[in-house]
Amino acid sequence: MHHPISELKAGPHTGFFVTGTDTDVGKTFVAAKIAQQFTAHGLKISPRKPIASGCIVQTDGSLLSEDALQLQKGAQSQESLEVICPYQFEPALSPQSALEMANVVVTIKDLFAACQTPNQNFALVEGAGGFLSPLCTDGQNRDLATALNLPVILIVADKLGCLNHALLSIEAIESAGLKLHAIVVNQVNQDSFGFAKDLEKWTETPIYSCEFDS
């Protein structure tokens, strides 16, 4: 049985690492909803999207990560977007490819430092792409998640093929020695519903649903 996302609790943890089975599965949408929910229950959230590509050039020449903005709003955070997302790039490629194009080096150590939070705030860290997607010059999302050692929330888009993607991601997360705290099945559009209904037969991790209009 899939539980509504409103039942997802933070528990005793100091933060979560939010990842997905792929790109465009709704990681930021779901993470922002989680941030909004936890904030409403009195938790002080520090959202982090340490590196982002596909950012939008503003009139003053600066870059804007829409994902970081959505997380900032969901958490009602007073932290600047530069703190939430310090490494921003325009090309809509993997962050690692965007770094290569810009001839810039950003390491897992750099991203780890960027994910630290003030005053022991609850860290809600969102990666980029899937769990094994290249994230920076020297590593994948997996490497940052392992360095942070935070429990993982896996976002699964409710569409054809999602069971295979979900099970491969679960295996990768567990092989990395990380705790998979929850799986959130995201209804990515009005027509996508029910493809992940059998996922509970293959994992003991609690599964939550985020509906299209929620």
N, C-alpha and C. Protein backbone atom coordinates (compact mmCIF):
# COMPACT_ATOMS: atom_id res chain seq x y z
N MET A 1 0.84 -1.20 0.00
CA MET A 1 0.00 0.00 0.00
C MET A 1 0.87 1.25 0.00
N HIS A 2 0.61 2.17 -0.92
CA HIS A 2 1.34 3.43 -0.97
C HIS A 2 0.65 4.43 -0.06
N HIS A 3 1.43 5.10 0.79
CA HIS A 3 0.89 6.10 1.70
C HIS A 3 0.96 7.47 1.05
N PRO A 4 0.07 8.39 1.40
CA PRO A 4 0.18 9.76 0.88
C PRO A 4 1.45 10.42 1.40
N ILE A 5 2.02 11.30 0.60
CA ILE A 5 3.28 11.93 0.98
C ILE A 5 3.15 12.74 2.26
N SER A 6 1.94 13.14 2.60
CA SER A 6 1.72 13.91 3.83
C SER A 6 2.07 13.11 5.08
N GLU A 7 2.17 11.79 4.94
CA GLU A 7 2.50 10.94 6.08
C GLU A 7 4.02 10.74 6.25
N LEU A 8 4.81 11.24 5.31
CA LEU A 8 6.26 11.11 5.40
C LEU A 8 6.78 11.95 6.55
N LYS A 9 7.55 11.35 7.43
CA LYS A 9 8.08 12.03 8.61
C LYS A 9 9.60 12.13 8.55
N ALA A 10 10.12 13.16 9.20
CA ALA A 10 11.57 13.36 9.24
C ALA A 10 12.23 12.37 10.19
N GLY A 11 11.54 12.04 11.28
CA GLY A 11 12.13 11.12 12.26
C GLY A 11 13.30 11.76 12.97
N PRO A 12 14.23 10.96 13.48
CA PRO A 12 15.35 11.50 14.26
C PRO A 12 16.53 11.96 13.41
N HIS A 13 16.37 11.96 12.11
CA HIS A 13 17.49 12.22 11.22
C HIS A 13 17.86 13.70 11.18
N THR A 14 19.07 13.97 10.71
CA THR A 14 19.55 15.36 10.58
C THR A 14 19.37 15.89 9.16
N GLY A 15 18.90 15.03 8.27
CA GLY A 15 18.69 15.46 6.90
C GLY A 15 18.39 14.29 5.99
N PHE A 16 18.12 14.61 4.72
CA PHE A 16 17.89 13.60 3.69
C PHE A 16 18.64 14.00 2.43
N PHE A 17 19.03 12.98 1.68
CA PHE A 17 19.55 13.20 0.33
C PHE A 17 18.47 12.73 -0.63
N VAL A 18 18.00 13.65 -1.48
CA VAL A 18 16.91 13.35 -2.41
C VAL A 18 17.50 13.05 -3.78
N THR A 19 17.20 11.87 -4.29
CA THR A 19 17.68 11.47 -5.60
C THR A 19 16.53 10.89 -6.41
N GLY A 20 16.80 10.58 -7.66
CA GLY A 20 15.75 10.04 -8.51
C GLY A 20 16.22 8.88 -9.34
N THR A 21 15.28 8.23 -9.99
CA THR A 21 15.61 7.12 -10.88
C THR A 21 16.16 7.63 -12.21
N ASP A 22 15.99 8.92 -12.47
CA ASP A 22 16.41 9.51 -13.75
C ASP A 22 16.28 11.02 -13.61
N THR A 23 16.59 11.73 -14.68
CA THR A 23 16.30 13.16 -14.71
C THR A 23 14.82 13.36 -15.04
N ASP A 24 14.28 14.51 -14.69
CA ASP A 24 12.88 14.86 -14.98
C ASP A 24 11.87 13.88 -14.38
N VAL A 25 12.15 13.43 -13.16
CA VAL A 25 11.18 12.57 -12.47
C VAL A 25 10.42 13.35 -11.39
N GLY A 26 10.75 14.63 -11.27
CA GLY A 26 10.05 15.46 -10.29
C GLY A 26 10.74 15.57 -8.95
N LYS A 27 12.07 15.43 -8.93
CA LYS A 27 12.80 15.50 -7.66
C LYS A 27 12.54 16.82 -6.93
N THR A 28 12.67 17.92 -7.66
CA THR A 28 12.54 19.22 -7.02
C THR A 28 11.11 19.47 -6.56
N PHE A 29 10.14 19.10 -7.39
CA PHE A 29 8.73 19.25 -7.03
C PHE A 29 8.42 18.52 -5.73
N VAL A 30 8.88 17.27 -5.64
CA VAL A 30 8.62 16.47 -4.45
C VAL A 30 9.43 17.00 -3.27
N ALA A 31 10.70 17.32 -3.49
CA ALA A 31 11.55 17.82 -2.40
C ALA A 31 10.98 19.11 -1.81
N ALA A 32 10.46 19.99 -2.67
CA ALA A 32 9.88 21.24 -2.20
C ALA A 32 8.63 20.97 -1.36
N LYS A 33 7.85 19.97 -1.76
CA LYS A 33 6.66 19.60 -0.98
C LYS A 33 7.06 19.03 0.38
N ILE A 34 8.11 18.22 0.39
CA ILE A 34 8.60 17.67 1.66
C ILE A 34 9.10 18.81 2.56
N ALA A 35 9.85 19.75 1.98
CA ALA A 35 10.34 20.89 2.74
C ALA A 35 9.19 21.70 3.33
N GLN A 36 8.17 21.92 2.50
CA GLN A 36 6.99 22.68 2.95
C GLN A 36 6.30 21.96 4.10
N GLN A 37 6.18 20.65 3.98
CA GLN A 37 5.52 19.85 5.01
C GLN A 37 6.29 19.86 6.32
N PHE A 38 7.61 19.64 6.24
CA PHE A 38 8.44 19.62 7.45
C PHE A 38 8.47 21.01 8.11
N THR A 39 8.53 22.06 7.28
CA THR A 39 8.55 23.42 7.82
C THR A 39 7.26 23.73 8.56
N ALA A 40 6.14 23.25 8.02
CA ALA A 40 4.84 23.47 8.66
C ALA A 40 4.77 22.79 10.02
N HIS A 41 5.60 21.76 10.21
CA HIS A 41 5.64 21.05 11.50
C HIS A 41 6.75 21.57 12.41
N GLY A 42 7.30 22.73 12.05
CA GLY A 42 8.24 23.40 12.94
C GLY A 42 9.70 23.06 12.75
N LEU A 43 10.02 22.31 11.69
CA LEU A 43 11.41 21.94 11.45
C LEU A 43 12.10 23.06 10.65
N LYS A 44 13.31 23.42 11.07
CA LYS A 44 14.07 24.45 10.36
C LYS A 44 14.87 23.78 9.25
N ILE A 45 14.47 24.05 8.00
CA ILE A 45 15.05 23.36 6.85
C ILE A 45 16.10 24.25 6.16
N SER A 46 17.24 23.66 5.86
CA SER A 46 18.23 24.29 4.99
C SER A 46 18.28 23.49 3.70
N PRO A 47 17.60 23.94 2.65
CA PRO A 47 17.64 23.21 1.39
C PRO A 47 18.98 23.40 0.69
N ARG A 48 19.43 22.36 0.01
CA ARG A 48 20.68 22.45 -0.73
C ARG A 48 20.54 21.77 -2.09
N LYS A 49 20.86 22.51 -3.13
CA LYS A 49 21.01 21.99 -4.49
C LYS A 49 22.41 22.45 -4.88
N PRO A 50 23.44 21.73 -4.42
CA PRO A 50 24.80 22.29 -4.46
C PRO A 50 25.32 22.62 -5.85
N ILE A 51 24.84 21.90 -6.86
CA ILE A 51 25.28 22.18 -8.23
C ILE A 51 24.10 21.98 -9.19
N ALA A 52 23.98 22.90 -10.14
CA ALA A 52 22.86 22.83 -11.08
C ALA A 52 23.31 23.31 -12.45
N SER A 53 22.88 22.61 -13.47
CA SER A 53 23.07 23.05 -14.85
C SER A 53 21.70 23.41 -15.42
N GLY A 54 21.68 23.94 -16.62
CA GLY A 54 20.42 24.36 -17.20
C GLY A 54 19.83 25.58 -16.53
N CYS A 55 20.70 26.41 -15.93
CA CYS A 55 20.22 27.61 -15.25
C CYS A 55 19.87 28.71 -16.26
N ILE A 56 19.05 29.64 -15.82
CA ILE A 56 18.53 30.68 -16.71
C ILE A 56 19.33 31.97 -16.52
N VAL A 57 19.76 32.55 -17.64
CA VAL A 57 20.51 33.81 -17.59
C VAL A 57 19.53 34.95 -17.31
N GLN A 58 19.84 35.74 -16.27
CA GLN A 58 19.01 36.88 -15.91
C GLN A 58 19.47 38.14 -16.66
N THR A 59 18.67 39.18 -16.58
CA THR A 59 18.98 40.42 -17.30
C THR A 59 20.31 41.04 -16.86
N ASP A 60 20.71 40.79 -15.62
CA ASP A 60 21.98 41.35 -15.14
C ASP A 60 23.16 40.42 -15.42
N GLY A 61 22.88 39.32 -16.15
CA GLY A 61 23.95 38.39 -16.50
C GLY A 61 24.15 37.27 -15.52
N SER A 62 23.49 37.35 -14.36
CA SER A 62 23.62 36.28 -13.37
C SER A 62 22.79 35.07 -13.80
N LEU A 63 23.03 33.95 -13.13
CA LEU A 63 22.29 32.72 -13.44
C LEU A 63 21.29 32.41 -12.34
N LEU A 64 20.18 31.81 -12.73
CA LEU A 64 19.15 31.41 -11.77
C LEU A 64 18.85 29.94 -11.93
N SER A 65 18.98 29.20 -10.83
CA SER A 65 18.53 27.81 -10.79
C SER A 65 17.09 27.80 -10.32
N GLU A 66 16.18 27.44 -11.22
CA GLU A 66 14.76 27.39 -10.84
C GLU A 66 14.52 26.32 -9.77
N ASP A 67 15.32 25.25 -9.81
CA ASP A 67 15.19 24.21 -8.79
C ASP A 67 15.51 24.78 -7.41
N ALA A 68 16.61 25.52 -7.31
CA ALA A 68 17.00 26.12 -6.04
C ALA A 68 15.94 27.09 -5.54
N LEU A 69 15.36 27.86 -6.46
CA LEU A 69 14.31 28.80 -6.09
C LEU A 69 13.09 28.07 -5.54
N GLN A 70 12.71 26.97 -6.18
CA GLN A 70 11.57 26.18 -5.72
C GLN A 70 11.83 25.59 -4.34
N LEU A 71 13.05 25.12 -4.10
CA LEU A 71 13.40 24.59 -2.79
C LEU A 71 13.39 25.69 -1.72
N GLN A 72 13.91 26.85 -2.10
CA GLN A 72 13.94 27.98 -1.16
C GLN A 72 12.52 28.35 -0.73
N LYS A 73 11.61 28.40 -1.69
CA LYS A 73 10.22 28.76 -1.38
C LYS A 73 9.55 27.67 -0.56
N GLY A 74 9.78 26.40 -0.92
CA GLY A 74 9.16 25.31 -0.18
C GLY A 74 9.58 25.27 1.28
N ALA A 75 10.86 25.60 1.53
CA ALA A 75 11.38 25.57 2.90
C ALA A 75 11.19 26.90 3.62
N GLN A 76 10.65 27.91 2.91
CA GLN A 76 10.55 29.26 3.46
C GLN A 76 11.89 29.70 4.02
N SER A 77 12.94 29.39 3.27
CA SER A 77 14.30 29.63 3.73
C SER A 77 14.71 31.09 3.54
N GLN A 78 15.42 31.63 4.52
CA GLN A 78 15.97 32.98 4.42
C GLN A 78 17.38 32.97 3.83
N GLU A 79 17.90 31.77 3.57
CA GLU A 79 19.22 31.67 2.98
C GLU A 79 19.16 32.09 1.51
N SER A 80 20.25 32.69 1.03
CA SER A 80 20.28 33.16 -0.35
C SER A 80 20.36 31.98 -1.32
N LEU A 81 19.99 32.24 -2.57
CA LEU A 81 20.08 31.21 -3.60
C LEU A 81 21.54 30.83 -3.86
N GLU A 82 22.46 31.77 -3.61
CA GLU A 82 23.88 31.48 -3.78
C GLU A 82 24.37 30.49 -2.74
N VAL A 83 23.77 30.51 -1.57
CA VAL A 83 24.11 29.53 -0.53
C VAL A 83 23.45 28.19 -0.82
N ILE A 84 22.20 28.24 -1.24
CA ILE A 84 21.47 27.01 -1.54
C ILE A 84 22.08 26.30 -2.74
N CYS A 85 22.48 27.07 -3.75
CA CYS A 85 23.03 26.50 -4.99
C CYS A 85 24.24 27.32 -5.43
N PRO A 86 25.42 27.05 -4.87
CA PRO A 86 26.59 27.88 -5.18
C PRO A 86 27.22 27.65 -6.55
N TYR A 87 27.00 26.47 -7.13
CA TYR A 87 27.62 26.15 -8.41
C TYR A 87 26.53 26.05 -9.49
N GLN A 88 26.43 27.11 -10.32
CA GLN A 88 25.37 27.19 -11.30
C GLN A 88 25.97 27.35 -12.71
N PHE A 89 25.37 26.62 -13.67
CA PHE A 89 25.88 26.63 -15.04
C PHE A 89 24.71 26.69 -16.01
N GLU A 90 24.93 27.34 -17.14
CA GLU A 90 23.85 27.55 -18.10
C GLU A 90 23.55 26.34 -18.98
N PRO A 91 24.55 25.64 -19.53
CA PRO A 91 24.23 24.55 -20.47
C PRO A 91 23.33 23.47 -19.83
N ALA A 92 22.34 23.06 -20.59
CA ALA A 92 21.40 22.03 -20.09
C ALA A 92 21.99 20.64 -20.33
N LEU A 93 23.09 20.40 -19.66
CA LEU A 93 23.81 19.12 -19.74
C LEU A 93 23.97 18.59 -18.33
N SER A 94 24.60 17.43 -18.18
CA SER A 94 24.93 16.99 -16.84
C SER A 94 25.88 18.02 -16.23
N PRO A 95 25.82 18.23 -14.91
CA PRO A 95 26.76 19.18 -14.29
C PRO A 95 28.22 18.89 -14.63
N GLN A 96 28.58 17.61 -14.70
CA GLN A 96 29.95 17.25 -15.03
C GLN A 96 30.34 17.75 -16.42
N SER A 97 29.43 17.59 -17.39
CA SER A 97 29.70 18.08 -18.74
C SER A 97 29.74 19.60 -18.78
N ALA A 98 28.85 20.25 -18.01
CA ALA A 98 28.84 21.71 -17.95
C ALA A 98 30.14 22.24 -17.36
N LEU A 99 30.68 21.54 -16.37
CA LEU A 99 31.96 21.91 -15.78
C LEU A 99 33.09 21.81 -16.80
N GLU A 100 33.07 20.73 -17.57
CA GLU A 100 34.11 20.54 -18.59
C GLU A 100 34.05 21.65 -19.64
N MET A 101 32.84 22.03 -20.04
CA MET A 101 32.68 23.11 -21.03
C MET A 101 33.22 24.43 -20.49
N ALA A 102 32.99 24.66 -19.19
CA ALA A 102 33.43 25.91 -18.57
C ALA A 102 34.89 25.85 -18.12
N ASN A 103 35.51 24.69 -18.29
CA ASN A 103 36.89 24.48 -17.84
C ASN A 103 37.06 24.81 -16.36
N VAL A 104 36.10 24.33 -15.58
CA VAL A 104 36.08 24.57 -14.13
C VAL A 104 36.12 23.22 -13.42
N VAL A 105 36.82 23.18 -12.30
CA VAL A 105 36.89 21.96 -11.49
C VAL A 105 36.07 22.16 -10.22
N VAL A 106 35.10 21.29 -10.00
CA VAL A 106 34.34 21.25 -8.75
C VAL A 106 34.34 19.80 -8.29
N THR A 107 34.79 19.57 -7.07
CA THR A 107 34.95 18.22 -6.56
C THR A 107 33.84 17.83 -5.59
N ILE A 108 33.78 16.56 -5.28
CA ILE A 108 32.85 16.08 -4.25
C ILE A 108 33.12 16.78 -2.92
N LYS A 109 34.39 17.02 -2.63
CA LYS A 109 34.75 17.74 -1.41
C LYS A 109 34.14 19.14 -1.39
N ASP A 110 34.16 19.82 -2.56
CA ASP A 110 33.55 21.15 -2.67
C ASP A 110 32.04 21.08 -2.42
N LEU A 111 31.39 20.09 -3.02
CA LEU A 111 29.94 19.96 -2.87
C LEU A 111 29.57 19.57 -1.44
N PHE A 112 30.39 18.73 -0.83
CA PHE A 112 30.18 18.34 0.58
C PHE A 112 30.19 19.59 1.46
N ALA A 113 31.17 20.46 1.23
CA ALA A 113 31.25 21.69 2.02
C ALA A 113 30.03 22.58 1.78
N ALA A 114 29.54 22.62 0.54
CA ALA A 114 28.39 23.45 0.19
C ALA A 114 27.09 22.95 0.82
N CYS A 115 27.08 21.68 1.24
CA CYS A 115 25.86 21.08 1.80
C CYS A 115 25.77 21.23 3.31
N GLN A 116 26.78 21.82 3.93
CA GLN A 116 26.73 22.00 5.38
C GLN A 116 25.68 23.06 5.72
N THR A 117 25.05 22.90 6.87
CA THR A 117 23.95 23.79 7.25
C THR A 117 24.26 24.52 8.55
N PRO A 118 23.74 25.73 8.72
CA PRO A 118 24.00 26.50 9.94
C PRO A 118 23.12 26.04 11.09
N ASN A 119 23.64 26.21 12.29
CA ASN A 119 22.84 25.99 13.51
C ASN A 119 22.15 24.63 13.56
N GLN A 120 22.81 23.64 12.97
CA GLN A 120 22.26 22.27 12.98
C GLN A 120 20.87 22.20 12.35
N ASN A 121 20.64 23.03 11.35
CA ASN A 121 19.38 22.95 10.61
C ASN A 121 19.27 21.60 9.91
N PHE A 122 18.05 21.21 9.61
CA PHE A 122 17.79 19.97 8.89
C PHE A 122 18.19 20.16 7.43
N ALA A 123 19.07 19.31 6.94
CA ALA A 123 19.57 19.44 5.56
C ALA A 123 18.68 18.64 4.61
N LEU A 124 18.19 19.31 3.59
CA LEU A 124 17.45 18.63 2.53
C LEU A 124 18.24 18.85 1.25
N VAL A 125 19.03 17.84 0.88
CA VAL A 125 19.98 17.97 -0.22
C VAL A 125 19.42 17.27 -1.46
N GLU A 126 19.34 18.00 -2.55
CA GLU A 126 18.88 17.41 -3.81
C GLU A 126 20.05 17.27 -4.78
N GLY A 127 20.19 16.08 -5.34
CA GLY A 127 21.22 15.86 -6.34
C GLY A 127 20.77 16.33 -7.72
N ALA A 128 21.43 15.83 -8.74
CA ALA A 128 21.08 16.19 -10.12
C ALA A 128 21.05 14.93 -10.96
N GLY A 129 19.93 14.68 -11.63
CA GLY A 129 19.79 13.45 -12.41
C GLY A 129 19.54 12.26 -11.49
N GLY A 130 19.95 11.09 -11.95
CA GLY A 130 19.75 9.87 -11.18
C GLY A 130 20.89 9.62 -10.20
N PHE A 131 20.78 8.56 -9.42
CA PHE A 131 21.72 8.27 -8.35
C PHE A 131 23.14 8.07 -8.86
N LEU A 132 23.28 7.49 -10.05
CA LEU A 132 24.61 7.25 -10.61
C LEU A 132 24.99 8.27 -11.68
N SER A 133 24.21 9.32 -11.84
CA SER A 133 24.53 10.34 -12.83
C SER A 133 25.77 11.13 -12.42
N PRO A 134 26.59 11.51 -13.39
CA PRO A 134 27.77 12.34 -13.08
C PRO A 134 27.32 13.66 -12.44
N LEU A 135 28.00 14.05 -11.36
CA LEU A 135 27.57 15.23 -10.60
C LEU A 135 28.59 16.36 -10.63
N CYS A 136 29.87 15.99 -10.66
CA CYS A 136 30.92 17.01 -10.65
C CYS A 136 32.16 16.44 -11.31
N THR A 137 33.29 17.12 -11.14
CA THR A 137 34.50 16.72 -11.84
C THR A 137 34.94 15.31 -11.49
N ASP A 138 34.81 14.94 -10.22
CA ASP A 138 35.38 13.66 -9.78
C ASP A 138 34.37 12.69 -9.16
N GLY A 139 33.08 12.84 -9.49
CA GLY A 139 32.16 11.89 -8.87
C GLY A 139 30.72 11.98 -9.34
N GLN A 140 29.94 11.04 -8.83
CA GLN A 140 28.52 10.92 -9.13
C GLN A 140 27.69 11.36 -7.93
N ASN A 141 26.37 11.37 -8.12
CA ASN A 141 25.46 11.63 -7.00
C ASN A 141 25.74 10.66 -5.86
N ARG A 142 26.01 9.42 -6.20
CA ARG A 142 26.31 8.40 -5.20
C ARG A 142 27.46 8.83 -4.29
N ASP A 143 28.48 9.45 -4.86
CA ASP A 143 29.66 9.82 -4.08
C ASP A 143 29.35 10.94 -3.09
N LEU A 144 28.53 11.90 -3.50
CA LEU A 144 28.13 12.96 -2.57
C LEU A 144 27.24 12.40 -1.48
N ALA A 145 26.28 11.56 -1.85
CA ALA A 145 25.38 10.96 -0.86
C ALA A 145 26.18 10.14 0.16
N THR A 146 27.19 9.42 -0.31
CA THR A 146 28.01 8.61 0.59
C THR A 146 28.84 9.50 1.51
N ALA A 147 29.39 10.59 0.97
CA ALA A 147 30.17 11.51 1.80
C ALA A 147 29.31 12.14 2.89
N LEU A 148 28.08 12.53 2.53
CA LEU A 148 27.16 13.14 3.50
C LEU A 148 26.62 12.11 4.48
N ASN A 149 26.50 10.86 4.02
CA ASN A 149 25.97 9.75 4.82
C ASN A 149 24.57 10.06 5.38
N LEU A 150 23.75 10.67 4.53
CA LEU A 150 22.37 10.96 4.92
C LEU A 150 21.45 9.86 4.40
N PRO A 151 20.35 9.58 5.10
CA PRO A 151 19.34 8.68 4.55
C PRO A 151 18.83 9.22 3.22
N VAL A 152 18.46 8.32 2.33
CA VAL A 152 18.09 8.70 0.97
C VAL A 152 16.57 8.60 0.77
N ILE A 153 16.03 9.58 0.06
CA ILE A 153 14.65 9.51 -0.44
C ILE A 153 14.75 9.37 -1.95
N LEU A 154 14.17 8.32 -2.48
CA LEU A 154 14.22 8.03 -3.91
C LEU A 154 12.91 8.42 -4.57
N ILE A 155 13.00 9.29 -5.59
CA ILE A 155 11.81 9.71 -6.33
C ILE A 155 11.69 8.87 -7.59
N VAL A 156 10.51 8.28 -7.77
CA VAL A 156 10.24 7.41 -8.92
C VAL A 156 9.09 8.02 -9.72
N ALA A 157 9.32 8.27 -11.00
CA ALA A 157 8.23 8.76 -11.85
C ALA A 157 7.31 7.60 -12.20
N ASP A 158 6.02 7.80 -11.98
CA ASP A 158 5.04 6.74 -12.22
C ASP A 158 4.74 6.64 -13.72
N LYS A 159 5.62 5.91 -14.41
CA LYS A 159 5.45 5.75 -15.85
C LYS A 159 5.97 4.38 -16.26
N LEU A 160 5.67 3.98 -17.47
CA LEU A 160 6.08 2.68 -17.97
C LEU A 160 7.60 2.52 -17.84
N GLY A 161 8.03 1.40 -17.27
CA GLY A 161 9.45 1.13 -17.09
C GLY A 161 9.98 1.53 -15.73
N CYS A 162 9.13 2.13 -14.90
CA CYS A 162 9.61 2.66 -13.63
C CYS A 162 10.03 1.57 -12.64
N LEU A 163 9.45 0.38 -12.75
CA LEU A 163 9.83 -0.68 -11.81
C LEU A 163 11.30 -1.06 -11.99
N ASN A 164 11.70 -1.23 -13.23
CA ASN A 164 13.10 -1.56 -13.50
C ASN A 164 14.02 -0.44 -13.02
N HIS A 165 13.67 0.81 -13.33
CA HIS A 165 14.49 1.94 -12.91
C HIS A 165 14.55 2.03 -11.38
N ALA A 166 13.43 1.79 -10.74
CA ALA A 166 13.38 1.88 -9.28
C ALA A 166 14.23 0.78 -8.64
N LEU A 167 14.11 -0.44 -9.13
CA LEU A 167 14.84 -1.55 -8.52
C LEU A 167 16.34 -1.43 -8.74
N LEU A 168 16.74 -0.93 -9.91
CA LEU A 168 18.16 -0.69 -10.14
C LEU A 168 18.69 0.39 -9.20
N SER A 169 17.91 1.44 -9.00
CA SER A 169 18.33 2.52 -8.11
C SER A 169 18.39 2.06 -6.67
N ILE A 170 17.40 1.28 -6.25
CA ILE A 170 17.40 0.74 -4.88
C ILE A 170 18.65 -0.11 -4.65
N GLU A 171 18.98 -0.95 -5.62
CA GLU A 171 20.16 -1.80 -5.50
C GLU A 171 21.43 -0.96 -5.39
N ALA A 172 21.52 0.11 -6.19
CA ALA A 172 22.70 0.97 -6.16
C ALA A 172 22.83 1.70 -4.82
N ILE A 173 21.71 2.18 -4.30
CA ILE A 173 21.71 2.89 -3.02
C ILE A 173 22.15 1.97 -1.89
N GLU A 174 21.58 0.77 -1.88
CA GLU A 174 21.91 -0.18 -0.82
C GLU A 174 23.34 -0.68 -0.96
N SER A 175 23.81 -0.85 -2.19
CA SER A 175 25.20 -1.28 -2.42
C SER A 175 26.20 -0.24 -1.95
N ALA A 176 25.77 1.02 -1.95
CA ALA A 176 26.63 2.10 -1.46
C ALA A 176 26.67 2.16 0.06
N GLY A 177 25.89 1.31 0.71
CA GLY A 177 25.86 1.28 2.16
C GLY A 177 25.01 2.35 2.79
N LEU A 178 24.10 2.92 2.00
CA LEU A 178 23.25 4.00 2.49
C LEU A 178 21.88 3.47 2.91
N LYS A 179 21.25 4.19 3.81
CA LYS A 179 19.91 3.86 4.28
C LYS A 179 18.87 4.47 3.34
N LEU A 180 18.04 3.65 2.75
CA LEU A 180 16.94 4.15 1.92
C LEU A 180 15.75 4.38 2.84
N HIS A 181 15.48 5.64 3.13
CA HIS A 181 14.44 5.99 4.11
C HIS A 181 13.05 5.84 3.53
N ALA A 182 12.87 6.26 2.27
CA ALA A 182 11.53 6.24 1.68
C ALA A 182 11.64 6.31 0.17
N ILE A 183 10.60 5.82 -0.47
CA ILE A 183 10.42 5.94 -1.91
C ILE A 183 9.16 6.77 -2.14
N VAL A 184 9.26 7.77 -3.00
CA VAL A 184 8.08 8.57 -3.34
C VAL A 184 7.78 8.36 -4.82
N VAL A 185 6.59 7.83 -5.09
CA VAL A 185 6.13 7.64 -6.47
C VAL A 185 5.42 8.91 -6.90
N ASN A 186 5.99 9.57 -7.90
CA ASN A 186 5.47 10.86 -8.34
C ASN A 186 4.64 10.69 -9.61
N GLN A 187 3.37 11.10 -9.55
CA GLN A 187 2.51 11.06 -10.72
C GLN A 187 2.87 12.25 -11.60
N VAL A 188 3.73 12.02 -12.58
CA VAL A 188 4.33 13.12 -13.34
C VAL A 188 3.35 13.84 -14.27
N ASN A 189 2.26 13.20 -14.64
CA ASN A 189 1.19 13.88 -15.38
C ASN A 189 -0.12 13.17 -15.10
N GLN A 190 -1.20 13.71 -15.61
CA GLN A 190 -2.53 13.19 -15.28
C GLN A 190 -2.76 11.78 -15.80
N ASP A 191 -2.01 11.39 -16.81
CA ASP A 191 -2.20 10.06 -17.41
C ASP A 191 -1.29 8.99 -16.80
N SER A 192 -0.32 9.43 -15.98
CA SER A 192 0.63 8.47 -15.42
C SER A 192 0.17 8.06 -14.02
N PHE A 193 -0.37 6.88 -13.92
CA PHE A 193 -0.83 6.40 -12.61
C PHE A 193 -0.95 4.88 -12.65
N GLY A 194 -0.37 4.23 -11.67
CA GLY A 194 -0.54 2.79 -11.52
C GLY A 194 0.61 1.94 -12.02
N PHE A 195 1.58 2.55 -12.71
CA PHE A 195 2.70 1.76 -13.22
C PHE A 195 3.58 1.24 -12.09
N ALA A 196 3.60 1.95 -10.96
CA ALA A 196 4.45 1.56 -9.83
C ALA A 196 3.69 0.84 -8.73
N LYS A 197 2.45 0.43 -9.03
CA LYS A 197 1.62 -0.15 -7.96
C LYS A 197 2.20 -1.44 -7.39
N ASP A 198 3.00 -2.17 -8.16
CA ASP A 198 3.55 -3.44 -7.68
C ASP A 198 4.94 -3.29 -7.05
N LEU A 199 5.41 -2.06 -6.93
CA LEU A 199 6.76 -1.86 -6.39
C LEU A 199 6.90 -2.40 -4.97
N GLU A 200 5.83 -2.33 -4.20
CA GLU A 200 5.89 -2.79 -2.81
C GLU A 200 6.16 -4.29 -2.70
N LYS A 201 5.93 -5.03 -3.79
CA LYS A 201 6.22 -6.46 -3.77
C LYS A 201 7.72 -6.74 -3.80
N TRP A 202 8.50 -5.70 -4.15
CA TRP A 202 9.93 -5.91 -4.39
C TRP A 202 10.83 -5.17 -3.40
N THR A 203 10.24 -4.46 -2.47
CA THR A 203 11.05 -3.74 -1.49
C THR A 203 10.27 -3.60 -0.19
N GLU A 204 11.00 -3.56 0.91
CA GLU A 204 10.38 -3.33 2.21
C GLU A 204 10.42 -1.86 2.62
N THR A 205 11.02 -1.03 1.78
CA THR A 205 11.08 0.41 2.06
C THR A 205 9.69 1.02 1.96
N PRO A 206 9.31 1.87 2.91
CA PRO A 206 7.99 2.53 2.83
C PRO A 206 7.85 3.32 1.54
N ILE A 207 6.68 3.22 0.92
CA ILE A 207 6.41 3.89 -0.34
C ILE A 207 5.30 4.92 -0.16
N TYR A 208 5.53 6.11 -0.68
CA TYR A 208 4.57 7.20 -0.59
C TYR A 208 4.21 7.67 -2.00
N SER A 209 3.05 8.27 -2.13
CA SER A 209 2.59 8.75 -3.43
C SER A 209 2.42 10.25 -3.42
N CYS A 210 2.84 10.87 -4.51
CA CYS A 210 2.64 12.30 -4.71
C CYS A 210 1.81 12.45 -5.98
N GLU A 211 0.57 12.87 -5.83
CA GLU A 211 -0.32 12.93 -6.97
C GLU A 211 -0.09 14.20 -7.77
N PHE A 212 -0.52 14.16 -9.03
CA PHE A 212 -0.26 15.23 -9.99
C PHE A 212 -0.78 16.58 -9.50
N ASP A 213 -1.93 16.60 -8.88
CA ASP A 213 -2.55 17.87 -8.49
C ASP A 213 -2.38 18.13 -7.00
N SER A 214 -1.47 17.37 -6.33
CA SER A 214 -1.33 17.56 -4.87
C SER A 214 -0.47 18.76 -4.57
